[in-house]
């Protein structure tokens, strides 16, 4: 099994690639919205500052996003079910 890793925001275009966007779960989208409301920042600004890397979830549903979590400013992961850990 080949594991892969891609930046959430493509550094060449400064946008989220469609393939990566399609891999993000609805629960992760909800978490982005919650963080946006809590911090008063736009979702795209949060994602840029988090510098998330999308990582293969071992063949399981969704992707794991690793980077600086906006709600605590610690390095951690946002899992496909919307939960986080550091």
Protein backbone atom coordinates (compact mmCIF):
# COMPACT_ATOMS: atom_id res chain seq x y z
CA UNK A 1 0.00 0.00 0.00
CA UNK A 2 1.34 3.41 -0.98
CA UNK A 3 0.80 6.23 1.49
CA UNK A 4 0.62 9.77 0.17
CA UNK A 5 0.89 13.27 1.56
CA UNK A 6 -0.07 16.58 -0.08
CA UNK A 7 -0.37 20.15 1.18
CA UNK A 8 -3.98 21.18 1.71
CA UNK A 9 -3.23 24.49 0.02
CA UNK A 10 -1.07 24.15 -3.07
CA UNK A 11 1.98 26.43 -2.59
CA UNK A 12 2.16 27.13 -6.35
CA UNK A 13 -1.43 28.32 -6.74
CA UNK A 14 -2.25 29.31 -3.13
CA UNK A 15 -5.56 27.44 -3.52
CA UNK A 16 -6.97 24.09 -2.47
CA UNK A 17 -6.67 21.54 -5.28
CA UNK A 18 -9.95 19.89 -6.29
CA UNK A 19 -8.61 16.37 -5.62
CA UNK A 20 -7.61 17.32 -2.10
CA UNK A 21 -10.85 19.21 -1.48
CA UNK A 22 -12.90 16.16 -2.51
CA UNK A 23 -11.06 14.01 0.07
CA UNK A 24 -12.03 16.25 3.01
CA UNK A 25 -14.99 14.91 4.98
CA UNK A 26 -18.13 16.83 5.91
CA UNK A 27 -17.09 16.60 9.58
CA UNK A 28 -13.78 18.31 8.75
CA UNK A 29 -15.66 21.02 6.84
CA UNK A 30 -17.87 21.55 9.90
CA UNK A 31 -14.77 21.89 12.10
CA UNK A 32 -13.36 24.56 9.74
CA UNK A 33 -16.64 26.49 10.04
CA UNK A 34 -16.63 26.23 13.83
CA UNK A 35 -13.06 27.49 14.03
CA UNK A 36 -13.94 30.37 11.72
CA UNK A 37 -16.83 31.43 13.94
CA UNK A 38 -14.75 31.04 17.12
CA UNK A 39 -11.78 33.05 15.84
CA UNK A 40 -13.50 35.56 13.58
CA UNK A 41 -11.18 34.60 10.71
CA UNK A 42 -12.22 33.39 7.30
CA UNK A 43 -11.90 29.66 6.68
CA UNK A 44 -9.26 30.16 4.00
CA UNK A 45 -7.16 32.35 6.35
CA UNK A 46 -7.39 29.65 9.03
CA UNK A 47 -6.33 26.96 6.60
CA UNK A 48 -3.41 29.01 5.35
CA UNK A 49 -2.14 29.65 8.89
CA UNK A 50 -2.63 26.00 9.89
CA UNK A 51 -0.46 24.86 6.96
CA UNK A 52 -2.26 21.52 6.91
CA UNK A 53 -0.80 18.50 5.16
CA UNK A 54 -3.30 15.93 3.91
CA UNK A 55 -2.17 12.43 4.73
CA UNK A 56 -3.50 9.10 3.58
CA UNK A 57 -5.70 7.48 6.23
CA UNK A 58 -4.28 4.00 5.72
CA UNK A 59 -6.90 3.11 3.15
CA UNK A 60 -9.72 4.12 5.50
CA UNK A 61 -12.37 6.75 4.75
CA UNK A 62 -11.21 10.36 4.46
CA UNK A 63 -7.84 11.99 5.05
CA UNK A 64 -5.97 13.09 8.15
CA UNK A 65 -5.01 16.78 8.21
CA UNK A 66 -1.85 17.57 10.15
CA UNK A 67 -0.78 21.09 11.05
CA UNK A 68 -1.27 23.84 13.60
CA UNK A 69 -4.76 23.48 15.03
CA UNK A 70 -6.49 26.89 15.05
CA UNK A 71 -8.35 26.42 18.35
CA UNK A 72 -5.21 25.72 20.42
CA UNK A 73 -2.23 26.75 18.24
CA UNK A 74 -0.60 23.35 18.82
CA UNK A 75 0.66 20.96 16.16
CA UNK A 76 -1.82 18.14 15.78
CA UNK A 77 -4.25 16.32 13.56
CA UNK A 78 -7.82 16.80 12.40
CA UNK A 79 -9.23 13.32 11.83
CA UNK A 80 -11.93 12.40 9.28
CA UNK A 81 -14.58 12.24 12.03
CA UNK A 82 -13.88 15.89 12.95
CA UNK A 83 -12.03 15.12 16.18
CA UNK A 84 -8.61 16.55 16.90
CA UNK A 85 -5.56 15.45 18.82
CA UNK A 86 -2.12 16.85 19.55
